[in-house]
Amino acid sequence: MKLKLKFDSTAIKAFFSRHGEKLAVGMTTIALIYLCYSAIRTPRYDKKPENLASDATNKLRAITDENNKLDARANGIIIPDPEYAVQVEGAMQAIDPTKFAMAIPWNAPLRDTRVRRDEPTYLPAENLLAAYDKGAVSSKAHKERYIGKQWIVVTALVPYGAQLTEYRRLFDDALFTDPTLDKPSYAMYAVERAEISSTKPDAPPEWKPLDAGAIFAAAEAQFAAEHPQLINKKFIDPLVTDFCPPVIGKTLGPEVAHPPEIPLLSAADIAAEKPTVSAPGAERAAADRWKRRGAEANPQPQPGNASPVQAEVVPYRLFRFFDYTVEYGKSYRYRVKLTLDNPNRGVFVRYLKSPKLAEGDTRETRWSEPSPVVSVPLDFRVLASDAKISRSASIEPQARVMVVRWVPEEGVEVAHEYLRDRGSMLDFRGTSAAIPIAGKADQTKTGSVDFVTNSLLVDVLGGDIVTDAKGRPYRAPSDTLVMNQDGSLSLHTSIGDGVQYDANRHTTGKVGAASADENAPPAGTTPGTPNSFEDFLRGAGS
């Protein structure tokens, strides 16, 4: 017999319709009874908030205690290498973008944009200055002696930075580049001098060339050494920066530099660099600047893609020239022209805009603006001191003068005092004088010097003996009028010349020792009278 179950959907729906609410209530009751039973069986939490705070404090103390360190290796913990602190410090450093630079440029042009080489603009020297000086220098012929030299030093600014910028503008993107050609290389220079007339200062200057090579060669042959450099080496180009003469007993000043663009080194910097005295021209021994560099071996450059030269760029380098051919009593102006190596010399024609660019070894700038006028003083100076005016009209007034003479053979100035009447020529040949010894302070020797000025003592005023408010006698200041060799008049005052007069007095030896009769009282005077020579000296010292 086969049992067959039958599901009547209508009967099922009727059952749940009649008993559904009862089933829901029953199941809810069972769930509530289970929850209550579970709550009764759950263990009770006996700790209080104070216990939690205490536990947190203890854990924090354990963490910060240096003695309570975990042995990582003993506990099987792997320490990173390098440690996290080192990794974090490295990650915080600024990233160098050059390490990630792309070797191939983005959006590269479809054709080569490099250009053929062209002719740069050559920039002249700027801001010429000129200054006169003289001194004793070391002699190559006589090691124990010094020779006197006078000179005008001409300085200017060589615009190296601007010239380098011009080269880079033309050559950085050229088809052919060469580090030896793509930076300014100065070869030599030319100097012209104009003599300025004192009677026609506004007349157009007549420029005459100077043989700068001969002047340099003569100095190199005569001087035993050169003065240590007083400027930073980065401003020096040996082919346009002349060496300084080895002056003895004095220090060269800002006139051999070009402040503020090229200042003198401080004393501390000079001590740090420890400059040494070297033979003249030692810095340019590798090349003769007065010969064309085209005569040197010049191999043909090969095409390539060398990177543009990366030289230290200083805005200016120093141009300096010493003119030792100046003459006493004249005034001059100077101008200079710089010469550079041809940056296209030897380059293949296919890399040039024009074949003519490769012709010639050098290129020249235009002439610079002229320097200011600088005057060379005469080789003597006349200084005036006190005067003696006699009360008698028959006695000529007298003036005490000092002649300071530059003696090139000794390299020093020699001073001597004279007492002369009004109307006297201030020419004194064969005077036995005390001659300072160059390089030896406070040492003199006796020698014969010609104190020739070609000047006339025209008149003397002042020098009277007067008394002050307390009745004390003193000698009044005096004025001395001198006619110079060119016919001009110079007024010397005992007050105006006093400082220089006293500064040179210590080199004159005995006052008035030039002749035996200088200290004798003038004719018509008697010792002890108010106008005697002794009273003259006493009045001068009152």
Protein backbone atom coordinates (compact mmCIF):
# COMPACT_ATOMS: atom_id res chain seq x y z
CA MET A 1 0.00 0.00 0.00
CA LYS A 2 1.58 3.31 -1.01
CA LEU A 3 1.20 6.40 1.26
CA LYS A 4 0.96 9.66 -0.59
CA LEU A 5 1.24 12.99 1.26
CA LYS A 6 -0.82 15.82 0.04
CA PHE A 7 -0.27 19.47 0.90
CA ASP A 8 -3.39 21.49 0.91
CA SER A 9 -2.35 25.13 0.67
CA THR A 10 -5.76 26.28 1.74
CA ALA A 11 -5.66 24.23 4.93
CA ILE A 12 -2.15 25.53 5.74
CA LYS A 13 -3.16 29.13 5.31
CA ALA A 14 -6.17 28.56 7.51
CA PHE A 15 -3.99 27.04 10.27
CA PHE A 16 -1.63 29.99 10.45
CA SER A 17 -4.53 32.34 10.25
CA ARG A 18 -6.09 30.83 13.31
CA HIS A 19 -2.91 30.11 15.40
CA GLY A 20 -0.24 32.66 14.10
CA GLU A 21 -0.57 35.12 16.96
CA LYS A 22 -0.22 32.34 19.51
CA LEU A 23 2.93 31.06 17.89
CA ALA A 24 4.50 34.57 17.86
CA VAL A 25 3.73 35.16 21.52
CA GLY A 26 5.21 31.84 22.44
CA MET A 27 8.45 32.37 20.62
CA THR A 28 8.87 35.84 22.11
CA THR A 29 8.31 34.45 25.59
CA ILE A 30 10.97 31.80 25.06
CA ALA A 31 13.52 34.45 23.86
CA LEU A 32 12.90 36.67 26.90
CA ILE A 33 13.33 33.71 29.26
CA TYR A 34 16.71 32.92 27.55
CA LEU A 35 17.96 36.46 27.85
CA CYS A 36 17.09 36.64 31.53
CA TYR A 37 18.83 33.35 32.16
CA SER A 38 21.97 34.50 30.30
CA ALA A 39 22.09 37.75 32.28
CA ILE A 40 21.91 35.86 35.56
CA ARG A 41 24.77 33.52 34.55
CA THR A 42 27.17 36.33 33.21
CA PRO A 43 30.13 37.06 35.67
CA ARG A 44 30.01 40.49 37.34
CA TYR A 45 32.67 43.23 36.48
CA ASP A 46 34.12 44.17 39.83
CA LYS A 47 36.67 46.85 38.72
CA LYS A 48 36.07 50.55 39.23
CA PRO A 49 37.13 53.63 37.09
CA GLU A 50 39.95 54.33 39.52
CA ASN A 51 41.42 50.92 38.69
CA LEU A 52 41.43 51.74 34.96
CA ALA A 53 43.22 55.08 35.52
CA SER A 54 45.81 53.39 37.72
CA ASP A 55 46.47 50.69 35.13
CA ALA A 56 46.90 53.33 32.37
CA THR A 57 49.41 55.28 34.48
CA ASN A 58 51.45 52.14 35.18
CA LYS A 59 51.55 51.16 31.52
CA LEU A 60 52.68 54.68 30.48
CA ARG A 61 55.44 54.63 33.10
CA ALA A 62 56.61 51.25 31.85
CA ILE A 63 56.74 52.50 28.27
CA THR A 64 58.80 55.63 29.07
CA ASP A 65 61.18 53.88 31.48
CA GLU A 66 64.61 53.67 29.79
CA ASN A 67 65.57 50.65 31.88
CA ASN A 68 62.52 48.75 30.75
CA LYS A 69 63.60 48.02 27.19
CA LEU A 70 62.49 45.03 25.22
CA ASP A 71 65.25 42.87 23.84
CA ALA A 72 64.02 42.66 20.29
CA ARG A 73 66.31 39.82 19.22
CA ALA A 74 65.59 37.75 22.34
CA ASN A 75 61.86 38.05 21.66
CA GLY A 76 62.19 37.23 17.97
CA ILE A 77 61.40 40.71 16.74
CA ILE A 78 63.11 41.74 13.49
CA ILE A 79 64.56 45.29 13.55
CA PRO A 80 64.49 47.10 10.14
CA ASP A 81 67.82 48.03 8.59
CA PRO A 82 68.23 50.97 8.58
CA GLU A 83 66.04 51.75 11.57
CA TYR A 84 62.80 53.62 11.17
CA ALA A 85 64.28 56.84 12.62
CA VAL A 86 67.02 56.86 9.98
CA GLN A 87 64.53 56.07 7.23
CA VAL A 88 62.22 58.87 8.35
CA GLU A 89 65.09 61.37 8.50
CA GLY A 90 66.15 60.42 4.99
CA ALA A 91 62.60 60.65 3.70
CA MET A 92 62.28 64.18 5.09
CA GLN A 93 65.24 65.48 3.03
CA ALA A 94 64.53 67.65 -0.02
CA ILE A 95 64.56 65.69 -3.24
CA ASP A 96 67.28 66.55 -5.75
CA PRO A 97 65.40 66.93 -9.04
CA THR A 98 68.60 66.55 -11.08
CA LYS A 99 68.74 62.86 -10.16
CA PHE A 100 65.44 62.35 -11.90
CA ALA A 101 66.14 64.53 -14.93
CA MET A 102 65.13 63.06 -18.24
CA ALA A 103 67.98 62.38 -20.63
CA ILE A 104 65.66 62.94 -23.59
CA PRO A 105 63.79 66.29 -23.55
CA TRP A 106 60.02 66.24 -23.62
CA ASN A 107 58.40 67.43 -26.81
CA ALA A 108 61.75 67.57 -28.61
CA PRO A 109 61.75 69.57 -31.84
CA LEU A 110 61.43 67.60 -35.02
CA ARG A 111 64.45 69.38 -36.55
CA ASP A 112 67.85 70.57 -35.26
CA THR A 113 67.58 74.15 -33.93
CA ARG A 114 71.33 74.72 -33.48
CA VAL A 115 72.83 77.63 -35.43
CA ARG A 116 76.05 78.50 -37.16
CA ARG A 117 78.68 80.43 -35.26
CA ASP A 118 78.63 84.23 -35.58
CA GLU A 119 80.83 87.19 -34.58
CA PRO A 120 80.28 88.42 -31.00
CA THR A 121 80.20 92.06 -29.98
CA TYR A 122 83.51 92.87 -28.26
CA LEU A 123 83.06 95.14 -25.24
CA PRO A 124 85.63 97.86 -24.43
CA ALA A 125 87.22 98.64 -21.09
CA GLU A 126 85.13 100.81 -18.80
CA ASN A 127 85.71 103.67 -16.37
CA LEU A 128 89.38 104.49 -16.88
CA LEU A 129 91.22 105.99 -13.92
CA ALA A 130 94.78 107.36 -13.74
CA ALA A 131 96.99 108.31 -10.79
CA TYR A 132 100.56 109.55 -10.37
CA ASP A 133 103.08 108.12 -7.92
CA LYS A 134 106.79 107.58 -7.45
CA GLY A 135 109.13 105.66 -5.19
CA ALA A 136 112.25 103.57 -4.77
CA VAL A 137 112.08 100.08 -6.29
CA SER A 138 114.35 97.05 -6.08
CA SER A 139 116.97 97.04 -8.79
CA LYS A 140 117.94 93.89 -10.66
CA ALA A 141 121.37 95.31 -11.55
CA HIS A 142 122.25 96.46 -8.02
CA LYS A 143 120.86 94.14 -5.35
CA GLU A 144 122.00 96.42 -2.54
CA ARG A 145 120.59 99.59 -4.11
CA TYR A 146 117.27 100.95 -5.19
CA ILE A 147 116.35 103.04 -8.20
CA GLY A 148 113.89 105.89 -8.28
CA LYS A 149 110.90 105.52 -10.58
CA GLN A 150 107.88 107.68 -11.26
CA TRP A 151 104.80 106.47 -13.07
CA ILE A 152 101.17 106.96 -13.91
CA VAL A 153 99.10 103.86 -13.28
CA VAL A 154 96.03 103.47 -15.50
CA THR A 155 93.29 101.13 -14.32
CA ALA A 156 89.96 100.16 -15.86
CA LEU A 157 87.21 97.58 -15.62
CA VAL A 158 87.30 94.73 -18.12
CA PRO A 159 83.62 93.67 -18.52
CA TYR A 160 84.34 89.93 -18.36
CA GLY A 161 80.88 88.94 -17.12
CA ALA A 162 79.03 90.82 -19.87
CA GLN A 163 81.47 89.54 -22.50
CA LEU A 164 80.95 85.95 -21.36
CA THR A 165 77.18 86.44 -21.55
CA GLU A 166 77.58 87.63 -25.15
CA TYR A 167 79.67 84.55 -26.01
CA ARG A 168 77.11 82.21 -24.47
CA ARG A 169 74.29 83.90 -26.36
CA LEU A 170 75.98 83.06 -29.66
CA PHE A 171 77.77 79.78 -28.93
CA ASP A 172 75.63 77.77 -26.48
CA ASP A 173 73.30 76.67 -29.31
CA ALA A 174 75.94 76.56 -32.03
CA LEU A 175 76.49 73.58 -34.32
CA PHE A 176 80.06 73.43 -33.04
CA THR A 177 81.14 74.23 -29.48
CA ASP A 178 84.59 74.23 -27.92
CA PRO A 179 85.33 75.17 -24.28
CA THR A 180 88.64 76.77 -25.31
CA LEU A 181 86.92 79.08 -27.80
CA ASP A 182 83.56 79.74 -26.16
CA LYS A 183 84.85 82.02 -23.40
CA PRO A 184 86.59 85.41 -23.64
CA SER A 185 90.36 85.10 -23.88
CA TYR A 186 92.23 88.41 -23.74
CA ALA A 187 95.46 88.50 -25.71
CA MET A 188 96.94 91.98 -25.24
CA TYR A 189 96.00 95.65 -25.31
CA ALA A 190 96.94 98.96 -26.90
CA VAL A 191 97.42 102.25 -25.05
CA GLU A 192 97.33 105.77 -26.42
CA ARG A 193 98.34 108.90 -24.53
CA ALA A 194 97.56 112.56 -25.15
CA GLU A 195 99.51 115.44 -23.63
CA ILE A 196 97.19 118.13 -22.29
CA SER A 197 98.32 121.73 -22.51
CA SER A 198 97.74 123.90 -19.48
CA THR A 199 97.02 126.88 -21.76
CA LYS A 200 94.55 124.97 -23.96
CA PRO A 201 92.90 122.36 -21.69
CA ASP A 202 89.79 122.12 -23.90
CA ALA A 203 91.65 121.50 -27.16
CA PRO A 204 90.96 118.14 -28.86
CA PRO A 205 93.55 115.61 -27.61
CA GLU A 206 96.24 114.45 -30.00
CA TRP A 207 96.45 110.74 -29.31
CA LYS A 208 99.82 109.06 -29.70
CA PRO A 209 100.42 105.30 -29.32
CA LEU A 210 102.61 104.02 -26.53
CA ASP A 211 104.86 101.01 -27.01
CA ALA A 212 103.34 99.11 -24.11
CA GLY A 213 105.46 96.06 -24.86
CA ALA A 214 108.72 98.02 -24.64
CA ILE A 215 107.62 99.73 -21.42
CA PHE A 216 106.78 96.38 -19.88
CA ALA A 217 110.02 94.79 -21.06
CA ALA A 218 112.10 97.65 -19.65
CA ALA A 219 110.43 97.35 -16.24
CA GLU A 220 110.86 93.59 -16.28
CA ALA A 221 114.57 94.01 -17.04
CA GLN A 222 115.16 96.66 -14.34
CA PHE A 223 113.04 95.48 -11.42
CA ALA A 224 114.36 92.71 -9.22
CA ALA A 225 110.88 91.62 -8.13
CA GLU A 226 107.23 92.56 -8.30
CA HIS A 227 105.01 93.81 -5.51
CA PRO A 228 102.66 91.22 -3.95
CA GLN A 229 99.17 91.39 -5.39
CA LEU A 230 96.77 93.47 -3.31
CA ILE A 231 93.57 92.29 -4.97
CA ASN A 232 91.81 88.94 -5.15
CA LYS A 233 93.25 86.62 -7.79
CA LYS A 234 89.85 86.11 -9.42
CA PHE A 235 90.03 89.70 -10.72
CA ILE A 236 93.45 89.24 -12.33
CA ASP A 237 94.11 88.35 -15.95
CA PRO A 238 97.90 88.29 -16.43
CA LEU A 239 97.56 89.45 -20.04
CA VAL A 240 95.81 92.71 -19.15
CA THR A 241 96.83 93.21 -15.49
CA ASP A 242 100.38 94.58 -15.19
CA PHE A 243 102.48 93.68 -12.16
CA CYS A 244 103.08 96.33 -9.52
CA PRO A 245 106.58 97.76 -9.01
CA PRO A 246 108.37 96.53 -5.86
CA VAL A 247 108.18 99.82 -3.98
CA ILE A 248 110.28 100.15 -0.84
CA GLY A 249 109.17 102.05 2.26
CA LYS A 250 105.59 102.72 1.17
CA THR A 251 102.37 100.84 0.53
CA LEU A 252 100.53 100.99 -2.77
CA GLY A 253 96.94 102.11 -2.37
CA PRO A 254 93.57 101.93 -4.12
CA GLU A 255 95.06 103.43 -7.28
CA VAL A 256 96.38 99.94 -8.25
CA ALA A 257 92.88 98.43 -7.85
CA HIS A 258 89.51 99.79 -8.93
CA PRO A 259 87.18 100.12 -5.94
CA PRO A 260 84.37 99.49 -5.31
CA GLU A 261 84.06 96.94 -8.14
CA ILE A 262 87.59 95.59 -7.54
CA PRO A 263 88.64 96.48 -3.98
CA LEU A 264 91.94 96.10 -2.23
CA LEU A 265 92.33 93.06 -0.03
CA SER A 266 92.02 93.68 3.68
CA ALA A 267 95.03 93.14 5.91
CA ALA A 268 93.48 89.90 7.17
CA ASP A 269 92.92 88.62 3.62
CA ILE A 270 96.47 89.49 2.62
CA ALA A 271 97.79 87.60 5.65
CA ALA A 272 95.57 84.62 4.81
CA GLU A 273 96.71 84.45 1.20
CA LYS A 274 100.37 84.97 2.19
CA PRO A 275 101.37 86.67 -1.07
CA THR A 276 105.00 86.31 -2.03
CA VAL A 277 107.24 88.58 -4.04
CA SER A 278 108.10 86.99 -7.38
CA ALA A 279 110.07 87.90 -10.47
CA PRO A 280 108.36 90.43 -12.74
CA GLY A 281 106.04 88.86 -15.25
CA ALA A 282 106.11 85.44 -13.60
CA GLU A 283 102.36 85.09 -13.92
CA ARG A 284 102.53 85.46 -17.69
CA ALA A 285 105.63 83.30 -18.22
CA ALA A 286 103.56 80.71 -20.09
CA ALA A 287 102.81 83.07 -22.98
CA ASP A 288 104.45 86.12 -24.54
CA ARG A 289 101.59 88.59 -24.70
CA TRP A 290 103.37 90.84 -27.16
CA LYS A 291 103.53 88.15 -29.84
CA ARG A 292 100.65 87.02 -31.96
CA ARG A 293 99.22 83.84 -30.61
CA GLY A 294 98.67 82.64 -34.16
CA ALA A 295 102.37 81.78 -34.25
CA GLU A 296 101.76 79.11 -31.62
CA ALA A 297 100.75 75.58 -32.47
CA ASN A 298 97.03 75.59 -33.17
CA PRO A 299 95.60 72.17 -34.05
CA GLN A 300 92.40 72.18 -36.10
CA PRO A 301 89.41 71.72 -33.76
CA GLN A 302 87.24 68.73 -34.39
CA PRO A 303 83.44 68.91 -34.50
CA GLY A 304 81.64 67.72 -31.44
CA ASN A 305 78.95 68.47 -28.92
CA ALA A 306 81.06 69.67 -26.01
CA SER A 307 79.12 71.36 -23.26
CA PRO A 308 79.44 75.15 -23.03
CA VAL A 309 82.27 76.25 -20.78
CA GLN A 310 81.33 76.71 -17.13
CA ALA A 311 83.79 79.34 -15.85
CA GLU A 312 83.57 81.34 -12.66
CA VAL A 313 81.85 84.51 -13.71
CA VAL A 314 83.06 87.74 -12.11
CA PRO A 315 81.46 90.94 -13.36
CA TYR A 316 84.82 92.58 -13.97
CA ARG A 317 88.51 91.86 -14.25
CA LEU A 318 91.19 94.47 -13.70
CA PHE A 319 92.98 96.29 -16.49
CA ARG A 320 96.18 97.86 -15.16
CA PHE A 321 99.04 99.54 -17.00
CA PHE A 322 102.07 101.37 -15.56
CA ASP A 323 103.49 104.15 -17.74
CA TYR A 324 107.08 104.79 -16.65
CA THR A 325 107.79 107.22 -19.51
CA VAL A 326 105.98 110.26 -18.08
CA GLU A 327 107.84 113.57 -17.85
CA TYR A 328 107.99 116.16 -15.09
CA GLY A 329 105.52 119.02 -15.24
CA LYS A 330 103.28 117.53 -17.91
CA SER A 331 99.63 116.43 -17.87
CA TYR A 332 98.19 113.43 -19.69
CA ARG A 333 95.04 111.56 -20.64
CA TYR A 334 94.89 107.89 -21.64
CA ARG A 335 92.64 105.53 -23.55
CA VAL A 336 92.97 101.79 -24.11
CA LYS A 337 91.83 99.15 -26.58
CA LEU A 338 91.51 95.49 -25.60
CA THR A 339 92.46 92.62 -27.89
CA LEU A 340 90.82 89.17 -27.64
CA ASP A 341 91.58 85.85 -29.29
CA ASN A 342 89.31 85.17 -32.26
CA PRO A 343 86.62 82.75 -30.93
CA ASN A 344 86.11 81.36 -34.46
CA ARG A 345 89.77 80.83 -35.30
CA GLY A 346 90.37 77.43 -36.85
CA VAL A 347 86.69 76.42 -36.93
CA PHE A 348 85.56 74.58 -40.07
CA VAL A 349 83.73 76.82 -42.52
CA ARG A 350 80.62 74.64 -42.50
CA TYR A 351 79.99 75.65 -38.90
CA LEU A 352 80.31 79.41 -39.57
CA LYS A 353 77.88 81.94 -40.98
CA SER A 354 80.70 83.39 -43.06
CA PRO A 355 84.18 82.08 -43.95
CA LYS A 356 85.63 85.46 -42.96
CA LEU A 357 84.83 84.75 -39.30
CA ALA A 358 87.77 82.31 -39.13
CA GLU A 359 90.25 84.83 -40.53
CA GLY A 360 92.66 86.56 -38.18
CA ASP A 361 93.99 85.43 -34.81
CA THR A 362 92.58 88.29 -32.74
CA ARG A 363 89.72 90.73 -32.49
CA GLU A 364 89.80 94.28 -31.07
CA THR A 365 87.34 96.31 -29.07
CA ARG A 366 86.74 99.97 -29.79
CA TRP A 367 88.75 102.57 -27.88
CA SER A 368 87.63 103.21 -24.34
CA GLU A 369 86.46 106.56 -23.09
CA PRO A 370 89.46 108.73 -22.07
CA SER A 371 90.72 108.83 -18.51
CA PRO A 372 90.61 112.02 -16.45
CA VAL A 373 93.59 114.37 -16.77
CA VAL A 374 96.46 113.46 -14.46
CA SER A 375 99.45 115.74 -13.88
CA VAL A 376 103.06 114.84 -13.19
CA PRO A 377 104.58 117.29 -10.70
CA LEU A 378 107.99 118.84 -11.16
CA ASP A 379 110.97 117.04 -9.65
CA PHE A 380 111.22 119.66 -6.90
CA ARG A 381 109.06 121.54 -4.43
CA VAL A 382 109.63 124.94 -2.84
CA LEU A 383 108.39 125.38 0.72
CA ALA A 384 108.46 128.66 2.64
CA SER A 385 109.06 129.27 6.34
CA ASP A 386 109.63 132.46 8.32
CA ALA A 387 110.74 135.75 6.81
CA LYS A 388 112.97 138.47 8.15
CA ILE A 389 111.97 142.04 7.41
CA SER A 390 114.54 144.64 8.40
CA ARG A 391 113.50 148.04 9.73
CA SER A 392 116.10 149.54 7.46
CA ALA A 393 114.94 150.18 3.89
CA SER A 394 118.47 149.56 2.63
CA ILE A 395 118.41 145.91 3.74
CA GLU A 396 116.55 143.50 1.50
CA PRO A 397 113.92 141.27 3.16
CA GLN A 398 114.99 137.69 3.54
CA ALA A 399 113.01 134.47 3.42
CA ARG A 400 113.87 131.04 4.68
CA VAL A 401 112.88 128.48 2.06
CA MET A 402 113.27 124.74 1.70
CA VAL A 403 113.84 123.04 -1.63
CA VAL A 404 112.78 119.39 -1.76
CA ARG A 405 114.37 117.62 -4.74
CA TRP A 406 113.52 114.18 -6.14
CA VAL A 407 116.76 112.31 -6.89
CA PRO A 408 115.96 109.35 -9.17
CA GLU A 409 119.45 107.86 -8.80
CA GLU A 410 118.81 107.36 -5.09
CA GLY A 411 115.05 106.86 -5.22
CA VAL A 412 114.42 109.46 -2.49
CA GLU A 413 113.52 113.10 -1.97
CA VAL A 414 116.29 115.29 -0.52
CA ALA A 415 115.45 118.50 1.35
CA HIS A 416 117.65 121.48 2.20
CA GLU A 417 117.03 124.91 3.74
CA TYR A 418 118.27 128.26 2.46
CA LEU A 419 118.08 131.87 3.65
CA ARG A 420 117.87 134.17 0.63
CA ASP A 421 117.27 137.84 -0.16
CA ARG A 422 114.33 139.12 -2.15
CA GLY A 423 115.17 138.99 -5.85
CA SER A 424 117.43 135.92 -5.55
CA MET A 425 117.27 132.90 -7.87
CA LEU A 426 116.51 129.70 -6.02
CA ASP A 427 119.18 127.69 -7.82
CA PHE A 428 121.77 125.92 -5.69
CA ARG A 429 124.20 123.63 -7.46
CA GLY A 430 126.60 121.27 -5.74
CA THR A 431 124.96 121.56 -2.34
CA SER A 432 126.35 119.19 0.28
CA ALA A 433 123.16 117.66 1.69
CA ALA A 434 122.00 114.81 3.88
CA ILE A 435 120.56 112.17 1.51
CA PRO A 436 118.16 109.61 3.04
CA ILE A 437 118.98 105.98 2.29
CA ALA A 438 116.09 104.17 0.62
CA GLY A 439 114.88 101.19 2.57
CA LYS A 440 116.75 102.20 5.72
CA ALA A 441 114.66 104.33 8.04
CA ASP A 442 116.33 107.33 9.71
CA GLN A 443 119.66 106.71 7.96
CA THR A 444 121.32 109.32 5.75
CA LYS A 445 124.52 109.86 3.87
CA THR A 446 126.24 113.01 2.72
CA GLY A 447 126.30 113.80 -0.96
CA SER A 448 126.22 116.58 -3.53
CA VAL A 449 122.82 117.52 -4.90
CA ASP A 450 121.82 120.18 -7.43
CA PHE A 451 118.82 122.02 -6.01
CA VAL A 452 117.93 123.81 -9.25
CA THR A 453 114.40 125.25 -9.50
CA ASN A 454 114.78 128.02 -12.12
CA SER A 455 112.52 130.03 -9.82
CA LEU A 456 112.86 133.62 -8.59
CA LEU A 457 112.18 134.84 -5.06
CA VAL A 458 110.05 137.86 -5.99
CA ASP A 459 108.90 139.30 -2.67
CA VAL A 460 108.58 138.65 1.04
CA LEU A 461 105.97 140.02 3.41
CA GLY A 462 105.31 139.59 7.10
CA GLY A 463 107.70 138.15 9.63
CA ASP A 464 107.48 141.17 11.94
CA ILE A 465 108.05 140.75 15.65
CA VAL A 466 104.81 141.53 17.48
CA THR A 467 103.58 141.02 21.02
CA ASP A 468 100.51 139.28 22.29
CA ALA A 469 98.08 140.54 24.94
CA LYS A 470 100.49 139.55 27.71
CA GLY A 471 103.42 141.37 26.14
CA ARG A 472 105.17 138.21 24.90
CA PRO A 473 107.00 138.66 21.57
CA TYR A 474 106.45 136.34 18.65
CA ARG A 475 107.08 136.48 14.93
CA ALA A 476 104.12 137.06 12.65
CA PRO A 477 103.44 134.64 9.75
CA SER A 478 105.08 135.48 6.45
CA ASP A 479 104.17 135.31 2.77
CA THR A 480 106.72 134.46 0.09
CA LEU A 481 106.01 135.13 -3.59
CA VAL A 482 107.90 132.94 -6.09
CA MET A 483 107.97 133.16 -9.89
CA ASN A 484 108.11 129.66 -11.36
CA GLN A 485 110.13 128.61 -14.39
CA ASP A 486 107.08 128.91 -16.65
CA GLY A 487 106.45 132.51 -15.58
CA SER A 488 103.56 131.73 -13.24
CA LEU A 489 103.48 133.08 -9.68
CA SER A 490 103.09 130.99 -6.53
CA LEU A 491 102.32 132.42 -3.11
CA HIS A 492 103.78 130.40 -0.24
CA THR A 493 102.80 131.04 3.37
CA SER A 494 104.63 129.91 6.45
CA ILE A 495 101.34 128.60 7.80
CA GLY A 496 100.31 126.75 4.65
CA ASP A 497 103.73 125.14 4.11
CA GLY A 498 104.44 124.60 7.79
CA VAL A 499 103.37 120.96 8.03
CA GLN A 500 105.36 119.83 4.97
CA TYR A 501 108.28 122.01 6.00
CA ASP A 502 108.53 120.39 9.41
CA ALA A 503 108.02 116.90 7.95
CA ASN A 504 111.08 117.32 5.72
CA ARG A 505 113.23 119.19 8.25
CA HIS A 506 114.60 116.00 9.84
CA THR A 507 116.24 114.97 6.55
CA THR A 508 118.13 118.21 5.99
CA GLY A 509 120.90 117.68 8.50
CA LYS A 510 122.17 120.92 10.01
CA VAL A 511 119.86 123.81 9.20
CA GLY A 512 121.39 126.07 6.55
CA ALA A 513 124.48 123.94 6.09
CA ALA A 514 124.65 124.51 2.35
CA SER A 515 127.18 127.34 2.55
CA ALA A 516 129.35 128.89 5.23
CA ASP A 517 127.85 132.39 4.99
CA GLU A 518 124.18 131.45 5.18
CA ASN A 519 123.96 131.82 8.94
CA ALA A 520 125.90 135.07 9.04
CA PRO A 521 123.88 138.14 10.00
CA PRO A 522 122.87 140.25 7.00
CA ALA A 523 124.92 143.32 6.27
CA GLY A 524 124.05 146.31 8.40
CA THR A 525 122.88 144.35 11.44
CA THR A 526 124.51 143.84 14.77
CA PRO A 527 124.08 140.76 17.01
CA GLY A 528 121.74 141.51 19.87
CA THR A 529 119.61 144.02 17.99
CA PRO A 530 115.92 143.18 17.42
CA ASN A 531 116.51 142.44 13.75
CA SER A 532 119.59 140.22 14.14
CA PHE A 533 119.67 136.62 12.89
CA GLU A 534 119.73 135.28 16.46
CA ASP A 535 116.60 137.24 17.27
CA PHE A 536 115.08 135.96 14.02
CA LEU A 537 115.50 132.37 15.23
CA ARG A 538 114.30 133.25 18.73
CA GLY A 539 111.24 134.95 17.29
CA ALA A 540 110.50 131.94 15.11
CA GLY A 541 110.61 129.70 18.14
CA SER A 542 108.56 131.95 20.41
